Amino acid sequence: MAQLVYLQSLMKNVFVLICLVFGLSSCSKFSKIQKENDLDKKYASALDYYNEGDCLKSSILFEEMIPLVRGTSKSEPVYYYHAKSTYCDKDYILGSYYFKNFVKTFPNSEFAEECSYLGAYCLYLESPNYSLDQGDTKTAIAEMQLHLERFPNTNKKDTLNSIIKELREKLEVKEYEHAKQYYRTRRYKSAVIALENAMKTYPDSRFREDMLFLIVESNYELAINSIEAKKEERLLDTVESYHKFVDSYGESSRLNEAERWYGNALAELERIREKK
C-alpha cells in the first residue's frame, strides 16, 4: 500500500510538472491556488474543483493541506474530501485506503458510516474476474461484514448483503473451476480432493450435481489406472461416490453415464476378489 501511495504522489507530481512546462491556462490557475497561503481560500478552491468533477486537482489540493490542518477544525473535512476526491478519480485501491484511514482517525465523525461503506465498496469495484487471484474479493467481503457489524442500522444493509452474495458466488466459481481443472488435466486424485473440499465450503452450490458427477468419474478413472494394490480401495470409493450422486440426483440426465462407471467398478471388484 505504501508503494501505491508513492506511485499516486508521483503521478500527481507529473501532472504538476506538465502544467509548469506547458503553462496551460487552467494549469496556471491551478498552480496559483497551490501556492495560496490562505488555507480557507485553498480549501474553497479544492471544494470547487471537487464539485465540478475535477477530482485529480481536488485530491492534489486536499492532500497538500493534510499536514497543514492536523489538529485543527479543518482536519476532518480535508481528510474526508481527500478520500472522496480519490474515489471520484476512480482510484479505488487508494480510495479504500483513505476511507479506512478516515474511519480510524475520526471514528465518531458524522461521515464515519459513509466512509466505512465506501472503503468496502471500493474493494468491491476492484474485485477481479474469478479466474484471477481473489484476495481483493475476500477483503471486500470482510470489510462489508465489518461495516454491518459497526453500523447494524445502516440503510445500506440490503445493498451490502446483495454484494456479499455476488462476491461469494464469484469465490464459489473460482473454487469450482480450480477443482475442475484437476479433472481436465487428468489429475484425478487431486480432482476428488478439490471437489470434495469445494462442496464442504459451498454445500448448497449450484454446481453440486456436476461436482458429485465428476467425483464418480474421477474415482473410477483413478481406480482403473491404479496399481493392483490400490485398485480395490479406489473402486470401492467409486461405488460410494456413485451412491452419493444417485441419492442426491436420481433423476439426473447424466445418470446413465454414472451407472456405466458403477457397473464397470462392480465387475472389476468381482474380478479382483475372485483372484484372492
C-alpha atoms as a PDB file:
ATOM      1  CA  MET A   1       0.000   0.000   0.000  1.00  0.00           C
ATOM      2  CA  ALA A   2       2.873   2.392   0.783  1.00  0.00           C
ATOM      3  CA  GLN A   3       4.161   1.788  -2.741  1.00  0.00           C
ATOM      4  CA  LEU A   4       0.732   2.639  -4.184  1.00  0.00           C
ATOM      5  CA  VAL A   5       0.651   5.886  -2.213  1.00  0.00           C
ATOM      6  CA  TYR A   6       4.099   6.729  -3.551  1.00  0.00           C
ATOM      7  CA  LEU A   7       3.032   5.991  -7.142  1.00  0.00           C
ATOM      8  CA  GLN A   8      -0.066   8.143  -6.791  1.00  0.00           C
ATOM      9  CA  SER A   9       2.001  11.048  -5.466  1.00  0.00           C
ATOM     10  CA  LEU A  10       4.416  10.551  -8.348  1.00  0.00           C
ATOM     11  CA  MET A  11       1.597  10.725 -10.903  1.00  0.00           C
ATOM     12  CA  LYS A  12       0.292  13.899  -9.306  1.00  0.00           C
ATOM     13  CA  ASN A  13       3.769  15.413  -9.453  1.00  0.00           C
ATOM     14  CA  VAL A  14       3.931  14.524 -13.146  1.00  0.00           C
ATOM     15  CA  PHE A  15       0.641  16.373 -13.649  1.00  0.00           C
ATOM     16  CA  VAL A  16       2.024  19.444 -11.896  1.00  0.00           C
ATOM     17  CA  LEU A  17       5.242  19.262 -13.943  1.00  0.00           C
ATOM     18  CA  ILE A  18       3.225  19.204 -17.190  1.00  0.00           C
ATOM     19  CA  CYS A  19       1.441  22.340 -16.041  1.00  0.00           C
ATOM     20  CA  LEU A  20       4.740  24.075 -15.363  1.00  0.00           C
ATOM     21  CA  VAL A  21       6.306  23.044 -18.672  1.00  0.00           C
ATOM     22  CA  PHE A  22       3.408  23.873 -20.968  1.00  0.00           C
ATOM     23  CA  GLY A  23       1.977  26.770 -18.985  1.00  0.00           C
ATOM     24  CA  LEU A  24      -1.606  25.853 -19.787  1.00  0.00           C
ATOM     25  CA  SER A  25      -4.078  28.468 -18.604  1.00  0.00           C
ATOM     26  CA  SER A  26      -6.083  26.075 -16.436  1.00  0.00           C
ATOM     27  CA  CYS A  27      -2.848  24.695 -15.035  1.00  0.00           C
ATOM     28  CA  SER A  28      -1.572  28.210 -14.399  1.00  0.00           C
ATOM     29  CA  LYS A  29      -4.670  28.954 -12.360  1.00  0.00           C
ATOM     30  CA  PHE A  30      -4.247  25.677 -10.502  1.00  0.00           C
ATOM     31  CA  SER A  31      -0.580  26.427  -9.833  1.00  0.00           C
ATOM     32  CA  LYS A  32      -1.518  29.749  -8.250  1.00  0.00           C
ATOM     33  CA  ILE A  33      -4.025  28.000  -5.996  1.00  0.00           C
ATOM     34  CA  GLN A  34      -1.339  25.530  -4.929  1.00  0.00           C
ATOM     35  CA  LYS A  35       0.825  28.449  -3.802  1.00  0.00           C
ATOM     36  CA  GLU A  36      -2.044  30.049  -1.901  1.00  0.00           C
ATOM     37  CA  ASN A  37      -1.131  30.567   1.766  1.00  0.00           C
ATOM     38  CA  ASP A  38      -4.682  31.248   2.873  1.00  0.00           C
ATOM     39  CA  LEU A  39      -5.981  27.782   3.811  1.00  0.00           C
ATOM     40  CA  ASP A  40      -9.600  28.955   3.698  1.00  0.00           C
ATOM     41  CA  LYS A  41      -9.206  30.056   0.075  1.00  0.00           C
ATOM     42  CA  LYS A  42      -7.279  26.904  -0.853  1.00  0.00           C
ATOM     43  CA  TYR A  43      -9.927  24.726   0.810  1.00  0.00           C
ATOM     44  CA  ALA A  44     -12.716  26.582  -1.019  1.00  0.00           C
ATOM     45  CA  SER A  45     -10.910  26.134  -4.356  1.00  0.00           C
ATOM     46  CA  ALA A  46     -10.328  22.435  -3.701  1.00  0.00           C
ATOM     47  CA  LEU A  47     -14.010  22.026  -2.874  1.00  0.00           C
ATOM     48  CA  ASP A  48     -14.965  23.871  -6.078  1.00  0.00           C
ATOM     49  CA  TYR A  49     -12.806  21.500  -8.133  1.00  0.00           C
ATOM     50  CA  TYR A  50     -14.459  18.541  -6.382  1.00  0.00           C
ATOM     51  CA  ASN A  51     -17.989  19.830  -7.001  1.00  0.00           C
ATOM     52  CA  GLU A  52     -17.105  20.490 -10.653  1.00  0.00           C
ATOM     53  CA  GLY A  53     -15.872  16.899 -11.038  1.00  0.00           C
ATOM     54  CA  ASP A  54     -12.200  17.813 -11.469  1.00  0.00           C
ATOM     55  CA  CYS A  55     -11.225  15.170  -8.951  1.00  0.00           C
ATOM     56  CA  LEU A  56      -7.488  14.966  -9.652  1.00  0.00           C
ATOM     57  CA  LYS A  57      -6.906  18.660  -8.938  1.00  0.00           C
ATOM     58  CA  SER A  58      -9.192  18.433  -5.937  1.00  0.00           C
ATOM     59  CA  SER A  59      -7.329  15.464  -4.459  1.00  0.00           C
ATOM     60  CA  ILE A  60      -3.950  17.145  -5.032  1.00  0.00           C
ATOM     61  CA  LEU A  61      -5.023  20.265  -3.170  1.00  0.00           C
ATOM     62  CA  PHE A  62      -6.611  18.356  -0.286  1.00  0.00           C
ATOM     63  CA  GLU A  63      -3.527  16.145   0.007  1.00  0.00           C
ATOM     64  CA  GLU A  64      -1.308  19.223   0.217  1.00  0.00           C
ATOM     65  CA  MET A  65      -3.470  20.585   3.027  1.00  0.00           C
ATOM     66  CA  ILE A  66      -3.427  17.447   5.178  1.00  0.00           C
ATOM     67  CA  PRO A  67      -0.148  18.158   7.037  1.00  0.00           C
ATOM     68  CA  LEU A  68      -1.147  21.825   7.439  1.00  0.00           C
ATOM     69  CA  VAL A  69      -4.520  21.225   9.105  1.00  0.00           C
ATOM     70  CA  ARG A  70      -3.649  18.452  11.558  1.00  0.00           C
ATOM     71  CA  GLY A  71      -5.062  19.261  14.960  1.00  0.00           C
ATOM     72  CA  THR A  72      -7.383  21.935  13.592  1.00  0.00           C
ATOM     73  CA  SER A  73     -11.106  22.012  12.886  1.00  0.00           C
ATOM     74  CA  LYS A  74     -10.365  21.658   9.160  1.00  0.00           C
ATOM     75  CA  SER A  75      -8.611  18.329   9.583  1.00  0.00           C
ATOM     76  CA  GLU A  76     -11.766  16.218   9.416  1.00  0.00           C
ATOM     77  CA  PRO A  77     -13.306  17.775   6.264  1.00  0.00           C
ATOM     78  CA  VAL A  78      -9.931  17.831   4.491  1.00  0.00           C
ATOM     79  CA  TYR A  79      -9.368  14.117   5.193  1.00  0.00           C
ATOM     80  CA  TYR A  80     -12.941  13.398   4.118  1.00  0.00           C
ATOM     81  CA  TYR A  81     -12.798  15.250   0.818  1.00  0.00           C
ATOM     82  CA  HIS A  82      -9.331  13.916   0.073  1.00  0.00           C
ATOM     83  CA  ALA A  83     -10.748  10.378   0.277  1.00  0.00           C
ATOM     84  CA  LYS A  84     -13.842  11.356  -1.704  1.00  0.00           C
ATOM     85  CA  SER A  85     -11.735  13.036  -4.390  1.00  0.00           C
ATOM     86  CA  THR A  86      -9.595   9.923  -4.761  1.00  0.00           C
ATOM     87  CA  TYR A  87     -12.738   7.819  -5.085  1.00  0.00           C
ATOM     88  CA  CYS A  88     -14.184  10.307  -7.585  1.00  0.00           C
ATOM     89  CA  ASP A  89     -10.931   9.975  -9.573  1.00  0.00           C
ATOM     90  CA  LYS A  90     -11.653   6.205  -9.769  1.00  0.00           C
ATOM     91  CA  ASP A  91      -8.509   5.282  -7.841  1.00  0.00           C
ATOM     92  CA  TYR A  92     -10.348   2.649  -5.842  1.00  0.00           C
ATOM     93  CA  ILE A  93      -7.439   0.920  -4.123  1.00  0.00           C
ATOM     94  CA  LEU A  94      -6.156   4.169  -2.674  1.00  0.00           C
ATOM     95  CA  GLY A  95      -9.708   5.357  -2.136  1.00  0.00           C
ATOM     96  CA  SER A  96     -10.362   2.359   0.069  1.00  0.00           C
ATOM     97  CA  TYR A  97      -7.145   3.032   1.986  1.00  0.00           C
ATOM     98  CA  TYR A  98      -8.041   6.679   2.609  1.00  0.00           C
ATOM     99  CA  PHE A  99     -11.632   5.887   3.620  1.00  0.00           C
ATOM    100  CA  LYS A 100     -10.415   3.300   6.130  1.00  0.00           C
ATOM    101  CA  ASN A 101      -7.845   5.765   7.430  1.00  0.00           C
ATOM    102  CA  PHE A 102     -10.595   8.375   7.863  1.00  0.00           C
ATOM    103  CA  VAL A 103     -12.731   5.997   9.940  1.00  0.00           C
ATOM    104  CA  LYS A 104      -9.701   5.082  12.054  1.00  0.00           C
ATOM    105  CA  THR A 105      -8.772   8.747  12.576  1.00  0.00           C
ATOM    106  CA  PHE A 106     -12.317  10.085  13.082  1.00  0.00           C
ATOM    107  CA  PRO A 107     -14.385   7.143  14.398  1.00  0.00           C
ATOM    108  CA  ASN A 108     -17.102   9.422  15.777  1.00  0.00           C
ATOM    109  CA  SER A 109     -17.453  11.598  12.691  1.00  0.00           C
ATOM    110  CA  GLU A 110     -20.789  12.102  11.011  1.00  0.00           C
ATOM    111  CA  PHE A 111     -19.017  10.822   7.874  1.00  0.00           C
ATOM    112  CA  ALA A 112     -17.650   7.639   9.507  1.00  0.00           C
ATOM    113  CA  GLU A 113     -20.503   5.389   8.350  1.00  0.00           C
ATOM    114  CA  GLU A 114     -20.344   6.674   4.775  1.00  0.00           C
ATOM    115  CA  CYS A 115     -16.558   6.262   4.651  1.00  0.00           C
ATOM    116  CA  SER A 116     -16.734   2.776   6.139  1.00  0.00           C
ATOM    117  CA  TYR A 117     -19.186   1.780   3.420  1.00  0.00           C
ATOM    118  CA  LEU A 118     -17.253   3.423   0.588  1.00  0.00           C
ATOM    119  CA  GLY A 119     -13.993   1.850   1.774  1.00  0.00           C
ATOM    120  CA  ALA A 120     -15.582  -1.579   1.391  1.00  0.00           C
ATOM    121  CA  TYR A 121     -17.342  -0.617  -1.840  1.00  0.00           C
ATOM    122  CA  CYS A 122     -14.037   0.457  -3.414  1.00  0.00           C
ATOM    123  CA  LEU A 123     -12.673  -3.040  -2.823  1.00  0.00           C
ATOM    124  CA  TYR A 124     -15.787  -4.479  -4.443  1.00  0.00           C
ATOM    125  CA  LEU A 125     -15.132  -2.331  -7.519  1.00  0.00           C
ATOM    126  CA  GLU A 126     -11.565  -3.695  -7.617  1.00  0.00           C
ATOM    127  CA  SER A 127     -12.655  -7.335  -7.289  1.00  0.00           C
ATOM    128  CA  PRO A 128     -11.217  -9.083 -10.372  1.00  0.00           C
ATOM    129  CA  ASN A 129     -12.586 -11.759 -12.683  1.00  0.00           C
ATOM    130  CA  TYR A 130     -12.974 -15.122 -10.926  1.00  0.00           C
ATOM    131  CA  SER A 131     -10.038 -16.577 -12.879  1.00  0.00           C
ATOM    132  CA  LEU A 132      -7.618 -14.174 -11.160  1.00  0.00           C
ATOM    133  CA  ASP A 133      -6.409 -14.003  -7.566  1.00  0.00           C
ATOM    134  CA  GLN A 134      -9.368 -13.309  -5.275  1.00  0.00           C
ATOM    135  CA  GLY A 135      -7.543 -11.595  -2.409  1.00  0.00           C
ATOM    136  CA  ASP A 136      -9.375  -8.310  -3.012  1.00  0.00           C
ATOM    137  CA  THR A 137     -12.701 -10.159  -3.200  1.00  0.00           C
ATOM    138  CA  LYS A 138     -12.153 -11.800   0.193  1.00  0.00           C
ATOM    139  CA  THR A 139     -11.034  -8.495   1.697  1.00  0.00           C
ATOM    140  CA  ALA A 140     -14.117  -6.762   0.273  1.00  0.00           C
ATOM    141  CA  ILE A 141     -16.400  -9.358   1.882  1.00  0.00           C
ATOM    142  CA  ALA A 142     -14.620  -8.978   5.223  1.00  0.00           C
ATOM    143  CA  GLU A 143     -14.858  -5.172   5.096  1.00  0.00           C
ATOM    144  CA  MET A 144     -18.556  -5.284   4.215  1.00  0.00           C
ATOM    145  CA  GLN A 145     -19.270  -7.662   7.069  1.00  0.00           C
ATOM    146  CA  LEU A 146     -17.296  -5.379   9.386  1.00  0.00           C
ATOM    147  CA  HIS A 147     -19.379  -2.418   8.236  1.00  0.00           C
ATOM    148  CA  LEU A 148     -22.589  -4.304   9.028  1.00  0.00           C
ATOM    149  CA  GLU A 149     -21.246  -5.088  12.499  1.00  0.00           C
ATOM    150  CA  ARG A 150     -20.219  -1.478  13.131  1.00  0.00           C
ATOM    151  CA  PHE A 151     -23.433   0.008  11.760  1.00  0.00           C
ATOM    152  CA  PRO A 152     -26.215  -2.574  12.227  1.00  0.00           C
ATOM    153  CA  ASN A 153     -28.883   0.012  11.387  1.00  0.00           C
ATOM    154  CA  THR A 154     -27.247   1.137   8.146  1.00  0.00           C
ATOM    155  CA  ASN A 155     -29.573   1.865   5.233  1.00  0.00           C
ATOM    156  CA  LYS A 156     -27.051   0.042   3.028  1.00  0.00           C
ATOM    157  CA  LYS A 157     -27.839  -3.352   4.570  1.00  0.00           C
ATOM    158  CA  ASP A 158     -29.703  -4.775   1.550  1.00  0.00           C
ATOM    159  CA  THR A 159     -27.095  -3.428  -0.874  1.00  0.00           C
ATOM    160  CA  LEU A 160     -24.244  -4.890   1.156  1.00  0.00           C
ATOM    161  CA  ASN A 161     -25.898  -8.279   1.547  1.00  0.00           C
ATOM    162  CA  SER A 162     -26.538  -8.373  -2.202  1.00  0.00           C
ATOM    163  CA  ILE A 163     -22.898  -7.515  -2.953  1.00  0.00           C
ATOM    164  CA  ILE A 164     -21.599 -10.061  -0.429  1.00  0.00           C
ATOM    165  CA  LYS A 165     -23.759 -12.723  -2.115  1.00  0.00           C
ATOM    166  CA  GLU A 166     -22.368 -11.729  -5.523  1.00  0.00           C
ATOM    167  CA  LEU A 167     -18.772 -11.865  -4.282  1.00  0.00           C
ATOM    168  CA  ARG A 168     -19.266 -15.220  -2.561  1.00  0.00           C
ATOM    169  CA  GLU A 169     -20.681 -16.616  -5.790  1.00  0.00           C
ATOM    170  CA  LYS A 170     -17.520 -15.441  -7.539  1.00  0.00           C
ATOM    171  CA  LEU A 171     -15.399 -17.282  -4.952  1.00  0.00           C
ATOM    172  CA  GLU A 172     -17.603 -20.338  -5.462  1.00  0.00           C
ATOM    173  CA  VAL A 173     -16.993 -20.268  -9.222  1.00  0.00           C
ATOM    174  CA  LYS A 174     -13.263 -19.822  -8.558  1.00  0.00           C
ATOM    175  CA  GLU A 175     -13.103 -22.917  -6.340  1.00  0.00           C
ATOM    176  CA  TYR A 176     -15.292 -24.971  -8.666  1.00  0.00           C
ATOM    177  CA  GLU A 177     -13.203 -24.117 -11.739  1.00  0.00           C
ATOM    178  CA  HIS A 178      -9.994 -24.740  -9.795  1.00  0.00           C
ATOM    179  CA  ALA A 179     -11.199 -28.221  -8.854  1.00  0.00           C
ATOM    180  CA  LYS A 180     -12.450 -28.889 -12.365  1.00  0.00           C
ATOM    181  CA  GLN A 181      -9.054 -28.001 -13.785  1.00  0.00           C
ATOM    182  CA  TYR A 182      -7.561 -31.007 -11.989  1.00  0.00           C
ATOM    183  CA  TYR A 183     -10.186 -33.165 -13.662  1.00  0.00           C
ATOM    184  CA  ARG A 184      -9.477 -31.657 -17.102  1.00  0.00           C
ATOM    185  CA  THR A 185      -5.762 -32.369 -16.712  1.00  0.00           C
ATOM    186  CA  ARG A 186      -6.442 -35.975 -15.568  1.00  0.00           C
ATOM    187  CA  ARG A 187      -5.079 -35.391 -12.083  1.00  0.00           C
ATOM    188  CA  TYR A 188      -7.950 -37.406 -10.679  1.00  0.00           C
ATOM    189  CA  LYS A 189      -6.789 -37.798  -7.087  1.00  0.00           C
ATOM    190  CA  SER A 190      -6.343 -34.038  -6.727  1.00  0.00           C
ATOM    191  CA  ALA A 191      -9.663 -33.515  -8.506  1.00  0.00           C
ATOM    192  CA  VAL A 192     -11.548 -35.644  -5.966  1.00  0.00           C
ATOM    193  CA  ILE A 193      -9.942 -33.814  -3.029  1.00  0.00           C
ATOM    194  CA  ALA A 194     -10.583 -30.375  -4.525  1.00  0.00           C
ATOM    195  CA  LEU A 195     -14.183 -31.177  -5.497  1.00  0.00           C
ATOM    196  CA  GLU A 196     -14.988 -32.569  -2.051  1.00  0.00           C
ATOM    197  CA  ASN A 197     -13.440 -29.509  -0.397  1.00  0.00           C
ATOM    198  CA  ALA A 198     -15.458 -27.218  -2.666  1.00  0.00           C
ATOM    199  CA  MET A 199     -18.694 -28.961  -1.617  1.00  0.00           C
ATOM    200  CA  LYS A 200     -17.770 -28.625   2.060  1.00  0.00           C
ATOM    201  CA  THR A 201     -17.157 -24.912   1.587  1.00  0.00           C
ATOM    202  CA  TYR A 202     -20.287 -24.422  -0.529  1.00  0.00           C
ATOM    203  CA  PRO A 203     -22.754 -27.166   0.497  1.00  0.00           C
ATOM    204  CA  ASP A 204     -25.593 -25.521  -1.424  1.00  0.00           C
ATOM    205  CA  SER A 205     -23.530 -24.818  -4.521  1.00  0.00           C
ATOM    206  CA  ARG A 206     -25.330 -24.559  -7.845  1.00  0.00           C
ATOM    207  CA  PHE A 207     -22.527 -26.760  -9.196  1.00  0.00           C
ATOM    208  CA  ARG A 208     -23.175 -29.558  -6.689  1.00  0.00           C
ATOM    209  CA  GLU A 209     -24.656 -32.007  -9.212  1.00  0.00           C
ATOM    210  CA  ASP A 210     -21.726 -31.567 -11.576  1.00  0.00           C
ATOM    211  CA  MET A 211     -19.207 -31.894  -8.745  1.00  0.00           C
ATOM    212  CA  LEU A 212     -20.752 -35.133  -7.460  1.00  0.00           C
ATOM    213  CA  PHE A 213     -20.790 -36.485 -11.003  1.00  0.00           C
ATOM    214  CA  LEU A 214     -17.139 -35.567 -11.589  1.00  0.00           C
ATOM    215  CA  ILE A 215     -16.164 -37.249  -8.321  1.00  0.00           C
ATOM    216  CA  VAL A 216     -17.706 -40.514  -9.556  1.00  0.00           C
ATOM    217  CA  GLU A 217     -15.828 -40.305 -12.842  1.00  0.00           C
ATOM    218  CA  SER A 218     -12.576 -39.185 -11.202  1.00  0.00           C
ATOM    219  CA  ASN A 219     -12.716 -42.005  -8.666  1.00  0.00           C
ATOM    220  CA  TYR A 220     -13.354 -44.517 -11.446  1.00  0.00           C
ATOM    221  CA  GLU A 221     -10.530 -43.217 -13.668  1.00  0.00           C
ATOM    222  CA  LEU A 222      -8.194 -43.133 -10.671  1.00  0.00           C
ATOM    223  CA  ALA A 223      -9.117 -46.718  -9.765  1.00  0.00           C
ATOM    224  CA  ILE A 224      -8.712 -48.353 -13.165  1.00  0.00           C
ATOM    225  CA  ASN A 225      -5.351 -46.642 -13.686  1.00  0.00           C
ATOM    226  CA  SER A 226      -4.033 -47.588 -10.249  1.00  0.00           C
ATOM    227  CA  ILE A 227      -1.558 -50.281  -9.327  1.00  0.00           C
ATOM    228  CA  GLU A 228      -3.214 -53.533  -8.281  1.00  0.00           C
ATOM    229  CA  ALA A 229      -2.566 -52.943  -4.584  1.00  0.00           C
ATOM    230  CA  LYS A 230      -4.641 -49.731  -4.553  1.00  0.00           C
ATOM    231  CA  LYS A 231      -7.282 -50.652  -7.107  1.00  0.00           C
ATOM    232  CA  GLU A 232      -9.818 -52.340  -4.806  1.00  0.00           C
ATOM    233  CA  GLU A 233      -9.954 -49.458  -2.332  1.00  0.00           C
ATOM    234  CA  ARG A 234     -10.401 -46.919  -5.120  1.00  0.00           C
ATOM    235  CA  LEU A 235     -13.086 -48.986  -6.816  1.00  0.00           C
ATOM    236  CA  LEU A 236     -14.956 -49.007  -3.514  1.00  0.00           C
ATOM    237  CA  ASP A 237     -14.614 -45.204  -3.466  1.00  0.00           C
ATOM    238  CA  THR A 238     -16.197 -45.169  -6.925  1.00  0.00           C
ATOM    239  CA  VAL A 239     -19.135 -47.247  -5.706  1.00  0.00           C
ATOM    240  CA  GLU A 240     -19.609 -44.992  -2.668  1.00  0.00           C
ATOM    241  CA  SER A 241     -19.444 -41.797  -4.709  1.00  0.00           C
ATOM    242  CA  TYR A 242     -21.949 -43.247  -7.197  1.00  0.00           C
ATOM    243  CA  HIS A 243     -24.447 -43.863  -4.394  1.00  0.00           C
ATOM    244  CA  LYS A 244     -23.989 -40.289  -3.127  1.00  0.00           C
ATOM    245  CA  PHE A 245     -24.663 -38.988  -6.630  1.00  0.00           C
ATOM    246  CA  VAL A 246     -27.792 -41.143  -7.089  1.00  0.00           C
ATOM    247  CA  ASP A 247     -29.140 -40.296  -3.634  1.00  0.00           C
ATOM    248  CA  SER A 248     -28.979 -36.588  -4.467  1.00  0.00           C
ATOM    249  CA  TYR A 249     -29.731 -36.617  -8.191  1.00  0.00           C
ATOM    250  CA  GLY A 250     -31.598 -39.800  -9.043  1.00  0.00           C
ATOM    251  CA  GLU A 251     -33.278 -38.067 -11.986  1.00  0.00           C
ATOM    252  CA  SER A 252     -30.082 -36.602 -13.420  1.00  0.00           C
ATOM    253  CA  SER A 253     -29.649 -36.574 -17.191  1.00  0.00           C
ATOM    254  CA  ARG A 254     -26.163 -37.974 -16.565  1.00  0.00           C
ATOM    255  CA  LEU A 255     -27.351 -40.952 -14.567  1.00  0.00           C
ATOM    256  CA  ASN A 256     -26.755 -43.477 -17.397  1.00  0.00           C
ATOM    257  CA  GLU A 257     -23.108 -42.473 -17.657  1.00  0.00           C
ATOM    258  CA  ALA A 258     -22.634 -42.741 -13.894  1.00  0.00           C
ATOM    259  CA  GLU A 259     -24.327 -46.168 -13.909  1.00  0.00           C
ATOM    260  CA  ARG A 260     -21.867 -47.342 -16.538  1.00  0.00           C
ATOM    261  CA  TRP A 261     -18.907 -46.487 -14.323  1.00  0.00           C
ATOM    262  CA  TYR A 262     -20.666 -48.058 -11.356  1.00  0.00           C
ATOM    263  CA  GLY A 263     -21.288 -51.288 -13.284  1.00  0.00           C
ATOM    264  CA  ASN A 264     -17.687 -51.389 -14.527  1.00  0.00           C
ATOM    265  CA  ALA A 265     -16.424 -50.797 -10.989  1.00  0.00           C
ATOM    266  CA  LEU A 266     -18.523 -53.678  -9.610  1.00  0.00           C
ATOM    267  CA  ALA A 267     -17.313 -56.001 -12.381  1.00  0.00           C
ATOM    268  CA  GLU A 268     -13.695 -55.097 -11.673  1.00  0.00           C
ATOM    269  CA  LEU A 269     -14.208 -55.592  -7.936  1.00  0.00           C
ATOM    270  CA  GLU A 270     -15.603 -59.055  -8.608  1.00  0.00           C
ATOM    271  CA  ARG A 271     -12.608 -59.922 -10.773  1.00  0.00           C
ATOM    272  CA  ILE A 272     -10.173 -58.778  -8.056  1.00  0.00           C
ATOM    273  CA  ARG A 273     -11.943 -60.755  -5.338  1.00  0.00           C
ATOM    274  CA  GLU A 274     -12.065 -63.910  -7.442  1.00  0.00           C
ATOM    275  CA  LYS A 275      -8.301 -63.745  -7.763  1.00  0.00           C
ATOM    276  CA  LYS A 276      -7.798 -63.683  -3.998  1.00  0.00           C
END
